[in-house]
C-alpha atoms as a PDB file:
ATOM      1  CA  MET A   1     -50.811   2.798   7.335  1.00  0.00           C
ATOM      2  CA  PHE A   2     -51.154   1.989   3.622  1.00  0.00           C
ATOM      3  CA  CYS A   3     -48.698  -0.766   2.164  1.00  0.00           C
ATOM      4  CA  LEU A   4     -48.436  -2.583  -1.326  1.00  0.00           C
ATOM      5  CA  LEU A   5     -48.966  -5.984  -1.082  1.00  0.00           C
ATOM      6  CA  PRO A   6     -46.615  -7.637  -3.253  1.00  0.00           C
ATOM      7  CA  ALA A   7     -46.375 -11.695  -3.237  1.00  0.00           C
ATOM      8  CA  ASP A   8     -43.465 -11.844  -1.066  1.00  0.00           C
ATOM      9  CA  THR A   9     -43.565  -9.078   0.817  1.00  0.00           C
ATOM     10  CA  PRO A  10     -45.782  -5.722   2.152  1.00  0.00           C
ATOM     11  CA  VAL A  11     -43.648  -2.373   1.490  1.00  0.00           C
ATOM     12  CA  LEU A  12     -44.736   0.216   3.603  1.00  0.00           C
ATOM     13  CA  LEU A  13     -45.781   3.616   1.902  1.00  0.00           C
ATOM     14  CA  SER A  14     -45.540   6.138   4.818  1.00  0.00           C
ATOM     15  CA  PRO A  15     -44.538   8.694   5.149  1.00  0.00           C
ATOM     16  CA  PHE A  16     -45.187   9.128   1.393  1.00  0.00           C
ATOM     17  CA  VAL A  17     -49.097   8.235   1.616  1.00  0.00           C
ATOM     18  CA  ALA A  18     -50.926   8.930   4.456  1.00  0.00           C
ATOM     19  CA  SER A  19     -54.700   9.581   6.083  1.00  0.00           C
ATOM     20  CA  LEU A  20     -55.141  12.957   7.171  1.00  0.00           C
ATOM     21  CA  PHE A  21     -57.840  14.982   8.235  1.00  0.00           C
ATOM     22  CA  CYS A  22     -58.750  17.741   5.513  1.00  0.00           C
ATOM     23  CA  PRO A  23     -60.256  20.822   7.359  1.00  0.00           C
ATOM     24  CA  GLN A  24     -62.082  22.263   3.997  1.00  0.00           C
ATOM     25  CA  CYS A  25     -63.384  18.423   3.438  1.00  0.00           C
ATOM     26  CA  ARG A  26     -64.208  18.038   6.972  1.00  0.00           C
ATOM     27  CA  GLN A  27     -63.177  14.135   6.592  1.00  0.00           C
ATOM     28  CA  MET A  28     -60.401  11.849   6.750  1.00  0.00           C
ATOM     29  CA  GLU A  29     -58.644  11.937   3.189  1.00  0.00           C
ATOM     30  CA  VAL A  30     -55.665   9.733   1.667  1.00  0.00           C
ATOM     31  CA  CYS A  31     -53.341  12.140   0.529  1.00  0.00           C
ATOM     32  CA  HIS A  32     -49.620  11.843  -0.900  1.00  0.00           C
ATOM     33  CA  ALA A  33     -46.353  13.509  -0.054  1.00  0.00           C
ATOM     34  CA  ALA A  34     -46.360  16.650  -2.408  1.00  0.00           C
ATOM     35  CA  PRO A  35     -42.324  18.820  -3.041  1.00  0.00           C
ATOM     36  CA  ALA A  36     -41.273  20.681  -0.249  1.00  0.00           C
ATOM     37  CA  GLY A  37     -38.166  21.814   1.045  1.00  0.00           C
ATOM     38  CA  LYS A  38     -35.545  19.737   3.171  1.00  0.00           C
ATOM     39  CA  ASP A  39     -35.489  22.316   5.693  1.00  0.00           C
ATOM     40  CA  THR A  40     -37.570  22.387   8.972  1.00  0.00           C
ATOM     41  CA  GLY A  41     -41.355  22.822   8.919  1.00  0.00           C
ATOM     42  CA  PRO A  42     -44.742  20.362   8.068  1.00  0.00           C
ATOM     43  CA  ALA A  43     -44.458  17.968   5.252  1.00  0.00           C
ATOM     44  CA  HIS A  44     -47.069  19.239   2.464  1.00  0.00           C
ATOM     45  CA  LEU A  45     -49.635  16.363   1.106  1.00  0.00           C
ATOM     46  CA  LYS A  46     -52.440  16.560  -1.383  1.00  0.00           C
ATOM     47  CA  ARG A  47     -55.440  14.524  -1.702  1.00  0.00           C
ATOM     48  CA  PHE A  48     -55.912  12.287  -4.515  1.00  0.00           C
ATOM     49  CA  GLY A  49     -59.704  13.613  -4.991  1.00  0.00           C
ATOM     50  CA  ARG A  50     -59.696  17.432  -4.804  1.00  0.00           C
ATOM     51  CA  GLY A  51     -55.983  18.288  -4.597  1.00  0.00           C
ATOM     52  CA  HIS A  52     -56.333  20.197  -1.366  1.00  0.00           C
ATOM     53  CA  THR A  53     -52.896  20.356   0.440  1.00  0.00           C
ATOM     54  CA  LEU A  54     -52.620  19.253   4.339  1.00  0.00           C
ATOM     55  CA  HIS A  55     -49.633  19.927   6.331  1.00  0.00           C
ATOM     56  CA  SER A  56     -48.302  17.472   8.946  1.00  0.00           C
ATOM     57  CA  PRO A  57     -45.271  18.056  10.976  1.00  0.00           C
ATOM     58  CA  GLU A  58     -44.984  14.757  12.532  1.00  0.00           C
ATOM     59  CA  LEU A  59     -44.171  13.191   8.525  1.00  0.00           C
ATOM     60  CA  GLY A  60     -42.186  16.307   7.821  1.00  0.00           C
ATOM     61  CA  ASP A  61     -39.992  15.106  10.347  1.00  0.00           C
ATOM     62  CA  GLU A  62     -40.299  11.216   8.855  1.00  0.00           C
ATOM     63  CA  ILE A  63     -39.380  12.498   5.798  1.00  0.00           C
ATOM     64  CA  ARG A  64     -36.409  14.397   6.786  1.00  0.00           C
ATOM     65  CA  ALA A  65     -35.126  11.324   8.563  1.00  0.00           C
ATOM     66  CA  LEU A  66     -35.049   9.275   5.619  1.00  0.00           C
ATOM     67  CA  PRO A  67     -31.739   8.512   3.749  1.00  0.00           C
ATOM     68  CA  ASP A  68     -31.375  10.734   0.605  1.00  0.00           C
ATOM     69  CA  GLY A  69     -30.454   7.450  -1.287  1.00  0.00           C
ATOM     70  CA  ARG A  70     -26.951   9.551  -2.888  1.00  0.00           C
ATOM     71  CA  GLY A  71     -24.507   6.822  -0.999  1.00  0.00           C
ATOM     72  CA  THR A  72     -21.439   8.064   0.890  1.00  0.00           C
ATOM     73  CA  ALA A  73     -17.795   7.100   0.081  1.00  0.00           C
ATOM     74  CA  LEU A  74     -17.115   5.003   3.514  1.00  0.00           C
END
């Protein structure tokens, strides 16, 4: 779990920043969300250091479940 720690309240960065196993590096790596389609499928995450792209079905579901921020009329 990654958080920003401002003076008042921690801000959770998941699902946009995650620690995942990189099969190319054969170790756990810190990654950030990369652009991907809104359809079904895994989230695409890039490793900060080497730029390898990793895939996570669980984080893809979490990202799609977030509100889109456009707001709706009630």
